[in-house]
Amino acid sequence: MAGPVEKASMAGRPLKSLYFTVPGVPQSLVFTIVTYMGNLRLVVNSERGYIDRDILTSCLKDAFTKIYAASVGEHPMKIE
């Protein structure tokens, strides 16, 4: 995973996590992805009422489950 792996600090205080977003952009939907110290952070900005939050959350959970399963060599729909 690309991104800084050493701890960073601001004003002498260590950063626990790192992410950014750009407010006021004219796009209706913006995804920002940042990695820091081996952690992936996904930030989603959207205009109010543009997208159904529950459906988006469900789709993202399903996608990340499949990505994780593929990365460790498991079939995401494995039936035991």
PDB file of N, CA and C in Angstrom:
ATOM      1  N   MET A   1       0.846  -1.165   0.000  1.00  0.00           N
ATOM      2  CA  MET A   1       0.000   0.000   0.000  1.00  0.00           C
ATOM      3  C   MET A   1       0.897   1.235   0.000  1.00  0.00           C
ATOM      4  N   ALA A   2       0.704   2.118  -0.933  1.00  0.00           N
ATOM      5  CA  ALA A   2       1.512   3.330  -1.028  1.00  0.00           C
ATOM      6  C   ALA A   2       1.112   4.315   0.061  1.00  0.00           C
ATOM      7  N   GLY A   3       2.031   5.149   0.454  1.00  0.00           N
ATOM      8  CA  GLY A   3       1.754   6.169   1.463  1.00  0.00           C
ATOM      9  C   GLY A   3       2.818   6.143   2.539  1.00  0.00           C
ATOM     10  N   PRO A   4       2.885   7.191   3.366  1.00  0.00           N
ATOM     11  CA  PRO A   4       3.885   7.236   4.435  1.00  0.00           C
ATOM     12  C   PRO A   4       3.731   6.081   5.419  1.00  0.00           C
ATOM     13  N   VAL A   5       4.854   5.515   5.855  1.00  0.00           N
ATOM     14  CA  VAL A   5       4.811   4.443   6.848  1.00  0.00           C
ATOM     15  C   VAL A   5       5.429   4.876   8.171  1.00  0.00           C
ATOM     16  N   GLU A   6       6.129   6.026   8.177  1.00  0.00           N
ATOM     17  CA  GLU A   6       6.689   6.542   9.421  1.00  0.00           C
ATOM     18  C   GLU A   6       5.672   7.476  10.074  1.00  0.00           C
ATOM     19  N   LYS A   7       5.723   7.533  11.407  1.00  0.00           N
ATOM     20  CA  LYS A   7       4.826   8.435  12.128  1.00  0.00           C
ATOM     21  C   LYS A   7       5.170   9.876  11.793  1.00  0.00           C
ATOM     22  N   ALA A   8       4.147  10.685  11.617  1.00  0.00           N
ATOM     23  CA  ALA A   8       4.318  12.106  11.338  1.00  0.00           C
ATOM     24  C   ALA A   8       3.769  12.898  12.523  1.00  0.00           C
ATOM     25  N   SER A   9       4.160  14.164  12.597  1.00  0.00           N
ATOM     26  CA  SER A   9       3.650  15.010  13.671  1.00  0.00           C
ATOM     27  C   SER A   9       3.435  16.421  13.150  1.00  0.00           C
ATOM     28  N   MET A  10       2.587  17.161  13.846  1.00  0.00           N
ATOM     29  CA  MET A  10       2.344  18.568  13.551  1.00  0.00           C
ATOM     30  C   MET A  10       2.449  19.329  14.860  1.00  0.00           C
ATOM     31  N   ALA A  11       3.237  20.385  14.860  1.00  0.00           N
ATOM     32  CA  ALA A  11       3.428  21.207  16.060  1.00  0.00           C
ATOM     33  C   ALA A  11       3.864  20.353  17.245  1.00  0.00           C
ATOM     34  N   GLY A  12       4.684  19.331  16.981  1.00  0.00           N
ATOM     35  CA  GLY A  12       5.204  18.485  18.041  1.00  0.00           C
ATOM     36  C   GLY A  12       4.235  17.441  18.564  1.00  0.00           C
ATOM     37  N   ARG A  13       3.065  17.329  17.968  1.00  0.00           N
ATOM     38  CA  ARG A  13       2.075  16.317  18.390  1.00  0.00           C
ATOM     39  C   ARG A  13       1.949  15.255  17.306  1.00  0.00           C
ATOM     40  N   PRO A  14       2.001  13.968  17.694  1.00  0.00           N
ATOM     41  CA  PRO A  14       1.920  12.901  16.694  1.00  0.00           C
ATOM     42  C   PRO A  14       0.538  12.835  16.050  1.00  0.00           C
ATOM     43  N   LEU A  15       0.519  12.521  14.758  1.00  0.00           N
ATOM     44  CA  LEU A  15      -0.745  12.324  14.051  1.00  0.00           C
ATOM     45  C   LEU A  15      -1.225  10.905  14.270  1.00  0.00           C
ATOM     46  N   LYS A  16      -2.478  10.759  14.651  1.00  0.00           N
ATOM     47  CA  LYS A  16      -3.059   9.436  14.831  1.00  0.00           C
ATOM     48  C   LYS A  16      -3.561   8.884  13.495  1.00  0.00           C
ATOM     49  N   SER A  17      -4.104   9.758  12.669  1.00  0.00           N
ATOM     50  CA  SER A  17      -4.561   9.365  11.338  1.00  0.00           C
ATOM     51  C   SER A  17      -4.481  10.580  10.430  1.00  0.00           C
ATOM     52  N   LEU A  18      -4.697  10.339   9.153  1.00  0.00           N
ATOM     53  CA  LEU A  18      -4.544  11.406   8.183  1.00  0.00           C
ATOM     54  C   LEU A  18      -5.576  11.213   7.086  1.00  0.00           C
ATOM     55  N   TYR A  19      -6.309  12.263   6.770  1.00  0.00           N
ATOM     56  CA  TYR A  19      -7.173  12.270   5.599  1.00  0.00           C
ATOM     57  C   TYR A  19      -7.427  13.712   5.211  1.00  0.00           C
ATOM     58  N   PHE A  20      -7.906  13.902   4.023  1.00  0.00           N
ATOM     59  CA  PHE A  20      -8.195  15.265   3.591  1.00  0.00           C
ATOM     60  C   PHE A  20      -9.455  15.267   2.754  1.00  0.00           C
ATOM     61  N   THR A  21     -10.049  16.423   2.644  1.00  0.00           N
ATOM     62  CA  THR A  21     -11.216  16.619   1.800  1.00  0.00           C
ATOM     63  C   THR A  21     -11.185  18.065   1.312  1.00  0.00           C
ATOM     64  N   VAL A  22     -11.813  18.309   0.199  1.00  0.00           N
ATOM     65  CA  VAL A  22     -11.846  19.651  -0.364  1.00  0.00           C
ATOM     66  C   VAL A  22     -13.292  20.147  -0.326  1.00  0.00           C
ATOM     67  N   PRO A  23     -13.601  21.087   0.545  1.00  0.00           N
ATOM     68  CA  PRO A  23     -14.984  21.563   0.631  1.00  0.00           C
ATOM     69  C   PRO A  23     -15.328  22.504  -0.523  1.00  0.00           C
ATOM     70  N   GLY A  24     -16.596  22.533  -0.871  1.00  0.00           N
ATOM     71  CA  GLY A  24     -17.074  23.477  -1.864  1.00  0.00           C
ATOM     72  C   GLY A  24     -16.759  23.148  -3.307  1.00  0.00           C
ATOM     73  N   VAL A  25     -16.389  21.890  -3.589  1.00  0.00           N
ATOM     74  CA  VAL A  25     -16.103  21.534  -4.982  1.00  0.00           C
ATOM     75  C   VAL A  25     -17.423  21.412  -5.750  1.00  0.00           C
ATOM     76  N   PRO A  26     -17.416  21.705  -7.049  1.00  0.00           N
ATOM     77  CA  PRO A  26     -18.665  21.697  -7.799  1.00  0.00           C
ATOM     78  C   PRO A  26     -19.171  20.305  -8.194  1.00  0.00           C
ATOM     79  N   GLN A  27     -18.411  19.255  -7.891  1.00  0.00           N
ATOM     80  CA  GLN A  27     -18.831  17.903  -8.244  1.00  0.00           C
ATOM     81  C   GLN A  27     -19.925  17.422  -7.285  1.00  0.00           C
ATOM     82  N   SER A  28     -20.813  16.552  -7.778  1.00  0.00           N
ATOM     83  CA  SER A  28     -21.883  16.006  -6.953  1.00  0.00           C
ATOM     84  C   SER A  28     -21.407  14.869  -6.063  1.00  0.00           C
ATOM     85  N   LEU A  29     -20.350  14.178  -6.478  1.00  0.00           N
ATOM     86  CA  LEU A  29     -19.848  13.035  -5.714  1.00  0.00           C
ATOM     87  C   LEU A  29     -18.331  12.988  -5.837  1.00  0.00           C
ATOM     88  N   VAL A  30     -17.628  12.952  -4.690  1.00  0.00           N
ATOM     89  CA  VAL A  30     -16.165  12.936  -4.683  1.00  0.00           C
ATOM     90  C   VAL A  30     -15.683  11.850  -3.732  1.00  0.00           C
ATOM     91  N   PHE A  31     -14.777  10.985  -4.212  1.00  0.00           N
ATOM     92  CA  PHE A  31     -14.130   9.972  -3.384  1.00  0.00           C
ATOM     93  C   PHE A  31     -12.673  10.375  -3.223  1.00  0.00           C
ATOM     94  N   THR A  32     -12.174  10.402  -2.000  1.00  0.00           N
ATOM     95  CA  THR A  32     -10.777  10.686  -1.727  1.00  0.00           C
ATOM     96  C   THR A  32     -10.202   9.498  -0.969  1.00  0.00           C
ATOM     97  N   ILE A  33      -9.073   8.969  -1.431  1.00  0.00           N
ATOM     98  CA  ILE A  33      -8.450   7.816  -0.793  1.00  0.00           C
ATOM     99  C   ILE A  33      -7.042   8.199  -0.356  1.00  0.00           C
ATOM    100  N   VAL A  34      -6.717   7.939   0.921  1.00  0.00           N
ATOM    101  CA  VAL A  34      -5.405   8.256   1.474  1.00  0.00           C
ATOM    102  C   VAL A  34      -4.921   7.064   2.289  1.00  0.00           C
ATOM    103  N   THR A  35      -3.623   6.748   2.193  1.00  0.00           N
ATOM    104  CA  THR A  35      -3.046   5.737   3.074  1.00  0.00           C
ATOM    105  C   THR A  35      -2.040   6.410   3.996  1.00  0.00           C
ATOM    106  N   TYR A  36      -2.006   5.957   5.238  1.00  0.00           N
ATOM    107  CA  TYR A  36      -1.054   6.479   6.221  1.00  0.00           C
ATOM    108  C   TYR A  36      -0.753   5.382   7.231  1.00  0.00           C
ATOM    109  N   MET A  37       0.503   5.036   7.371  1.00  0.00           N
ATOM    110  CA  MET A  37       0.974   4.023   8.311  1.00  0.00           C
ATOM    111  C   MET A  37       0.241   2.687   8.136  1.00  0.00           C
ATOM    112  N   GLY A  38       0.026   2.288   6.874  1.00  0.00           N
ATOM    113  CA  GLY A  38      -0.593   1.005   6.591  1.00  0.00           C
ATOM    114  C   GLY A  38      -2.102   0.986   6.713  1.00  0.00           C
ATOM    115  N   ASN A  39      -2.715   2.118   6.962  1.00  0.00           N
ATOM    116  CA  ASN A  39      -4.175   2.199   7.048  1.00  0.00           C
ATOM    117  C   ASN A  39      -4.718   2.950   5.842  1.00  0.00           C
ATOM    118  N   LEU A  40      -5.815   2.443   5.315  1.00  0.00           N
ATOM    119  CA  LEU A  40      -6.470   3.065   4.183  1.00  0.00           C
ATOM    120  C   LEU A  40      -7.672   3.858   4.683  1.00  0.00           C
ATOM    121  N   ARG A  41      -7.800   5.089   4.218  1.00  0.00           N
ATOM    122  CA  ARG A  41      -8.930   5.920   4.616  1.00  0.00           C
ATOM    123  C   ARG A  41      -9.641   6.382   3.357  1.00  0.00           C
ATOM    124  N   LEU A  42     -10.948   6.135   3.296  1.00  0.00           N
ATOM    125  CA  LEU A  42     -11.773   6.546   2.169  1.00  0.00           C
ATOM    126  C   LEU A  42     -12.746   7.606   2.666  1.00  0.00           C
ATOM    127  N   VAL A  43     -12.739   8.767   2.021  1.00  0.00           N
ATOM    128  CA  VAL A  43     -13.638   9.864   2.380  1.00  0.00           C
ATOM    129  C   VAL A  43     -14.572  10.084   1.202  1.00  0.00           C
ATOM    130  N   VAL A  44     -15.875  10.123   1.473  1.00  0.00           N
ATOM    131  CA  VAL A  44     -16.867  10.334   0.432  1.00  0.00           C
ATOM    132  C   VAL A  44     -17.614  11.625   0.733  1.00  0.00           C
ATOM    133  N   ASN A  45     -17.620  12.530  -0.228  1.00  0.00           N
ATOM    134  CA  ASN A  45     -18.402  13.766  -0.129  1.00  0.00           C
ATOM    135  C   ASN A  45     -19.442  13.756  -1.232  1.00  0.00           C
ATOM    136  N   SER A  46     -20.666  14.118  -0.885  1.00  0.00           N
ATOM    137  CA  SER A  46     -21.698  14.187  -1.900  1.00  0.00           C
ATOM    138  C   SER A  46     -22.682  15.286  -1.545  1.00  0.00           C
ATOM    139  N   GLU A  47     -23.325  15.806  -2.556  1.00  0.00           N
ATOM    140  CA  GLU A  47     -24.329  16.819  -2.275  1.00  0.00           C
ATOM    141  C   GLU A  47     -25.542  16.138  -1.639  1.00  0.00           C
ATOM    142  N   ARG A  48     -26.222  16.865  -0.796  1.00  0.00           N
ATOM    143  CA  ARG A  48     -27.352  16.321  -0.046  1.00  0.00           C
ATOM    144  C   ARG A  48     -28.424  15.779  -0.999  1.00  0.00           C
ATOM    145  N   GLY A  49     -28.852  14.530  -0.718  1.00  0.00           N
ATOM    146  CA  GLY A  49     -29.909  13.901  -1.509  1.00  0.00           C
ATOM    147  C   GLY A  49     -29.462  13.336  -2.840  1.00  0.00           C
ATOM    148  N   TYR A  50     -28.165  13.419  -3.159  1.00  0.00           N
ATOM    149  CA  TYR A  50     -27.673  12.935  -4.452  1.00  0.00           C
ATOM    150  C   TYR A  50     -27.621  11.411  -4.513  1.00  0.00           C
ATOM    151  N   ILE A  51     -27.295  10.781  -3.405  1.00  0.00           N
ATOM    152  CA  ILE A  51     -27.117   9.334  -3.386  1.00  0.00           C
ATOM    153  C   ILE A  51     -27.683   8.774  -2.095  1.00  0.00           C
ATOM    154  N   ASP A  52     -28.224   7.558  -2.140  1.00  0.00           N
ATOM    155  CA  ASP A  52     -28.788   6.906  -0.958  1.00  0.00           C
ATOM    156  C   ASP A  52     -27.642   6.373  -0.092  1.00  0.00           C
ATOM    157  N   ARG A  53     -27.511   6.899   1.114  1.00  0.00           N
ATOM    158  CA  ARG A  53     -26.400   6.553   2.007  1.00  0.00           C
ATOM    159  C   ARG A  53     -26.376   5.068   2.347  1.00  0.00           C
ATOM    160  N   ASP A  54     -27.531   4.468   2.607  1.00  0.00           N
ATOM    161  CA  ASP A  54     -27.578   3.053   2.990  1.00  0.00           C
ATOM    162  C   ASP A  54     -27.148   2.140   1.842  1.00  0.00           C
ATOM    163  N   ILE A  55     -27.575   2.454   0.637  1.00  0.00           N
ATOM    164  CA  ILE A  55     -27.186   1.640  -0.523  1.00  0.00           C
ATOM    165  C   ILE A  55     -25.685   1.785  -0.781  1.00  0.00           C
ATOM    166  N   LEU A  56     -25.169   3.013  -0.708  1.00  0.00           N
ATOM    167  CA  LEU A  56     -23.729   3.235  -0.902  1.00  0.00           C
ATOM    168  C   LEU A  56     -22.916   2.459   0.130  1.00  0.00           C
ATOM    169  N   THR A  57     -23.317   2.526   1.396  1.00  0.00           N
ATOM    170  CA  THR A  57     -22.613   1.810   2.462  1.00  0.00           C
ATOM    171  C   THR A  57     -22.626   0.310   2.215  1.00  0.00           C
ATOM    172  N   SER A  58     -23.774  -0.229   1.832  1.00  0.00           N
ATOM    173  CA  SER A  58     -23.891  -1.657   1.558  1.00  0.00           C
ATOM    174  C   SER A  58     -22.994  -2.076   0.394  1.00  0.00           C
ATOM    175  N   CYS A  59     -22.986  -1.293  -0.673  1.00  0.00           N
ATOM    176  CA  CYS A  59     -22.153  -1.608  -1.839  1.00  0.00           C
ATOM    177  C   CYS A  59     -20.669  -1.545  -1.492  1.00  0.00           C
ATOM    178  N   LEU A  60     -20.261  -0.537  -0.712  1.00  0.00           N
ATOM    179  CA  LEU A  60     -18.852  -0.419  -0.322  1.00  0.00           C
ATOM    180  C   LEU A  60     -18.417  -1.585   0.557  1.00  0.00           C
ATOM    181  N   LYS A  61     -19.259  -1.983   1.522  1.00  0.00           N
ATOM    182  CA  LYS A  61     -18.922  -3.127   2.380  1.00  0.00           C
ATOM    183  C   LYS A  61     -18.759  -4.388   1.544  1.00  0.00           C
ATOM    184  N   ASP A  62     -19.671  -4.596   0.599  1.00  0.00           N
ATOM    185  CA  ASP A  62     -19.603  -5.769  -0.266  1.00  0.00           C
ATOM    186  C   ASP A  62     -18.322  -5.741  -1.114  1.00  0.00           C
ATOM    187  N   ALA A  63     -17.997  -4.582  -1.686  1.00  0.00           N
ATOM    188  CA  ALA A  63     -16.798  -4.461  -2.507  1.00  0.00           C
ATOM    189  C   ALA A  63     -15.542  -4.711  -1.687  1.00  0.00           C
ATOM    190  N   PHE A  64     -15.437  -4.118  -0.499  1.00  0.00           N
ATOM    191  CA  PHE A  64     -14.249  -4.310   0.325  1.00  0.00           C
ATOM    192  C   PHE A  64     -14.117  -5.749   0.804  1.00  0.00           C
ATOM    193  N   THR A  65     -15.238  -6.421   1.067  1.00  0.00           N
ATOM    194  CA  THR A  65     -15.197  -7.831   1.439  1.00  0.00           C
ATOM    195  C   THR A  65     -14.619  -8.661   0.298  1.00  0.00           C
ATOM    196  N   LYS A  66     -15.060  -8.382  -0.917  1.00  0.00           N
ATOM    197  CA  LYS A  66     -14.567  -9.118  -2.084  1.00  0.00           C
ATOM    198  C   LYS A  66     -13.094  -8.806  -2.353  1.00  0.00           C
ATOM    199  N   ILE A  67     -12.702  -7.544  -2.214  1.00  0.00           N
ATOM    200  CA  ILE A  67     -11.296  -7.165  -2.424  1.00  0.00           C
ATOM    201  C   ILE A  67     -10.406  -7.853  -1.397  1.00  0.00           C
ATOM    202  N   TYR A  68     -10.822  -7.845  -0.136  1.00  0.00           N
ATOM    203  CA  TYR A  68     -10.031  -8.486   0.914  1.00  0.00           C
ATOM    204  C   TYR A  68      -9.910  -9.985   0.646  1.00  0.00           C
ATOM    205  N   ALA A  69     -11.036 -10.623   0.339  1.00  0.00           N
ATOM    206  CA  ALA A  69     -11.020 -12.070   0.091  1.00  0.00           C
ATOM    207  C   ALA A  69     -10.094 -12.411  -1.076  1.00  0.00           C
ATOM    208  N   ALA A  70     -10.140 -11.619  -2.123  1.00  0.00           N
ATOM    209  CA  ALA A  70      -9.269 -11.877  -3.278  1.00  0.00           C
ATOM    210  C   ALA A  70      -7.802 -11.665  -2.925  1.00  0.00           C
ATOM    211  N   SER A  71      -7.528 -10.699  -2.055  1.00  0.00           N
ATOM    212  CA  SER A  71      -6.131 -10.414  -1.711  1.00  0.00           C
ATOM    213  C   SER A  71      -5.512 -11.489  -0.829  1.00  0.00           C
ATOM    214  N   VAL A  72      -6.330 -12.201  -0.062  1.00  0.00           N
ATOM    215  CA  VAL A  72      -5.788 -13.276   0.785  1.00  0.00           C
ATOM    216  C   VAL A  72      -6.048 -14.651   0.184  1.00  0.00           C
ATOM    217  N   GLY A  73      -6.588 -14.699  -1.032  1.00  0.00           N
ATOM    218  CA  GLY A  73      -6.772 -15.960  -1.737  1.00  0.00           C
ATOM    219  C   GLY A  73      -8.001 -16.737  -1.365  1.00  0.00           C
ATOM    220  N   GLU A  74      -9.000 -16.080  -0.857  1.00  0.00           N
ATOM    221  CA  GLU A  74     -10.261 -16.756  -0.520  1.00  0.00           C
ATOM    222  C   GLU A  74     -11.332 -16.347  -1.516  1.00  0.00           C
ATOM    223  N   HIS A  75     -12.272 -17.248  -1.740  1.00  0.00           N
ATOM    224  CA  HIS A  75     -13.411 -16.886  -2.587  1.00  0.00           C
ATOM    225  C   HIS A  75     -14.413 -16.135  -1.726  1.00  0.00           C
ATOM    226  N   PRO A  76     -14.860 -14.932  -2.140  1.00  0.00           N
ATOM    227  CA  PRO A  76     -15.740 -14.121  -1.291  1.00  0.00           C
ATOM    228  C   PRO A  76     -17.097 -14.753  -1.009  1.00  0.00           C
ATOM    229  N   MET A  77     -17.555 -15.655  -1.862  1.00  0.00           N
ATOM    230  CA  MET A  77     -18.858 -16.294  -1.662  1.00  0.00           C
ATOM    231  C   MET A  77     -18.693 -17.750  -1.253  1.00  0.00           C
ATOM    232  N   LYS A  78     -17.627 -18.043  -0.557  1.00  0.00           N
ATOM    233  CA  LYS A  78     -17.322 -19.415  -0.143  1.00  0.00           C
ATOM    234  C   LYS A  78     -18.410 -19.951   0.778  1.00  0.00           C
ATOM    235  N   ILE A  79     -18.945 -21.111   0.431  1.00  0.00           N
ATOM    236  CA  ILE A  79     -19.978 -21.760   1.260  1.00  0.00           C
ATOM    237  C   ILE A  79     -19.335 -22.955   1.950  1.00  0.00           C
ATOM    238  N   GLU A  80     -19.452 -22.977   3.279  1.00  0.00           N
ATOM    239  CA  GLU A  80     -18.826 -24.071   4.025  1.00  0.00           C
ATOM    240  C   GLU A  80     -19.852 -25.090   4.458  1.00  0.00           C
TER     241      GLU A  80
END
